[in-house]
Amino acid sequence: MCRNIKVLYNFDPPATEADIQAAAVQYVRKISGFSKPSKANEAVFKAAVDAVAIASAELLRKLETNAPPRSRILEITRAQARAAQRFHREEPS
């Protein structure tokens, strides 16, 4: 999975439209191979991003779980600790 695409489901607070749109852009960039499409492909690229964002938002609305929502702050802290360990850096203050 692309490292830039983050898990959006079951968080408190829930994922925003901006979070979903950013994930859609990353997905379309990954599968198309373009970080920025040419003028000739710009419309189809944007349409694909919009379609992926709509499908993703619908998926997030329809998923069900019995697990309690995860804390974004706690998950960010854990990710920073993993990165610090992986890259042998000190944890941010």
Protein backbone atom coordinates (compact mmCIF):
# COMPACT_ATOMS: atom_id res chain seq x y z
CA MET A 1 0.00 0.00 0.00
CA CYS A 2 1.18 3.51 -0.73
CA ARG A 3 2.67 4.95 2.46
CA ASN A 4 1.04 8.34 1.84
CA ILE A 5 -2.46 6.87 1.99
CA LYS A 6 -3.52 6.69 5.63
CA VAL A 7 -6.24 4.63 7.27
CA LEU A 8 -9.31 6.86 7.55
CA TYR A 9 -11.85 4.53 9.15
CA ASN A 10 -12.92 4.44 12.80
CA PHE A 11 -11.23 7.55 14.13
CA ASP A 12 -12.41 10.17 16.56
CA PRO A 13 -12.80 12.75 15.09
CA PRO A 14 -13.89 11.09 11.84
CA ALA A 15 -12.10 11.65 8.54
CA THR A 16 -12.91 14.94 6.86
CA GLU A 17 -13.74 15.49 3.20
CA ALA A 18 -10.23 16.93 2.82
CA ASP A 19 -8.72 13.70 4.24
CA ILE A 20 -10.74 11.61 1.79
CA GLN A 21 -9.86 13.88 -1.15
CA ALA A 22 -6.14 13.75 -0.29
CA ALA A 23 -6.24 9.95 -0.15
CA ALA A 24 -8.05 9.86 -3.50
CA VAL A 25 -5.40 12.08 -5.09
CA GLN A 26 -2.62 9.85 -3.75
CA TYR A 27 -4.38 6.73 -5.04
CA VAL A 28 -4.90 8.14 -8.54
CA ARG A 29 -1.31 9.41 -8.63
CA LYS A 30 -0.05 5.97 -7.63
CA ILE A 31 -1.99 3.96 -10.19
CA SER A 32 -1.55 6.46 -13.03
CA GLY A 33 2.13 7.08 -12.44
CA PHE A 34 1.60 10.85 -12.71
CA SER A 35 2.24 13.20 -9.81
CA LYS A 36 0.76 15.95 -11.97
CA PRO A 37 -1.05 15.06 -15.19
CA SER A 38 -0.47 16.85 -18.48
CA LYS A 39 -3.09 19.29 -19.76
CA ALA A 40 -4.36 16.53 -22.07
CA ASN A 41 -4.98 14.22 -19.08
CA GLU A 42 -6.00 16.80 -16.49
CA ALA A 43 -9.79 16.38 -16.90
CA VAL A 44 -9.73 12.58 -16.76
CA PHE A 45 -7.32 12.70 -13.79
CA LYS A 46 -9.64 15.06 -11.88
CA ALA A 47 -12.68 12.92 -12.76
CA ALA A 48 -10.89 9.83 -11.45
CA VAL A 49 -9.96 11.61 -8.21
CA ASP A 50 -13.57 12.71 -7.74
CA ALA A 51 -14.90 9.19 -8.42
CA VAL A 52 -12.44 7.62 -5.97
CA ALA A 53 -13.30 10.23 -3.32
CA ILE A 54 -17.03 9.57 -3.72
CA ALA A 55 -16.55 5.80 -3.51
CA SER A 56 -14.26 6.17 -0.49
CA ALA A 57 -16.70 8.43 1.36
CA GLU A 58 -19.52 5.95 0.70
CA LEU A 59 -17.37 3.08 1.92
CA LEU A 60 -16.48 4.92 5.14
CA ARG A 61 -20.16 5.74 5.77
CA LYS A 62 -21.30 2.14 5.28
CA LEU A 63 -18.58 0.27 7.21
CA GLU A 64 -19.57 -1.06 10.63
CA THR A 65 -17.45 -2.03 13.62
CA ASN A 66 -17.83 -2.89 17.28
CA ALA A 67 -14.36 -1.53 18.06
CA PRO A 68 -14.13 1.80 19.83
CA PRO A 69 -12.91 4.72 17.70
CA ARG A 70 -9.14 5.23 17.64
CA SER A 71 -7.54 8.48 18.72
CA ARG A 72 -5.82 10.41 15.92
CA ILE A 73 -3.40 11.99 18.38
CA LEU A 74 -2.41 8.61 19.84
CA GLU A 75 -1.92 7.09 16.37
CA ILE A 76 0.22 10.06 15.27
CA THR A 77 2.34 9.70 18.41
CA ARG A 78 2.81 5.98 17.76
CA ALA A 79 3.75 6.61 14.11
CA GLN A 80 6.31 9.23 15.14
CA ALA A 81 7.83 6.81 17.67
CA ARG A 82 8.06 4.07 15.00
CA ALA A 83 9.68 6.49 12.55
CA ALA A 84 12.16 7.69 15.18
CA GLN A 85 13.13 4.11 15.94
CA ARG A 86 13.35 3.16 12.27
CA PHE A 87 15.49 6.15 11.34
CA HIS A 88 17.36 6.27 14.67
CA ARG A 89 16.26 9.78 15.47
CA GLU A 90 15.14 11.24 18.74
CA GLU A 91 11.38 11.54 19.24
CA PRO A 92 9.93 15.01 18.61
CA SER A 93 9.08 17.01 21.71
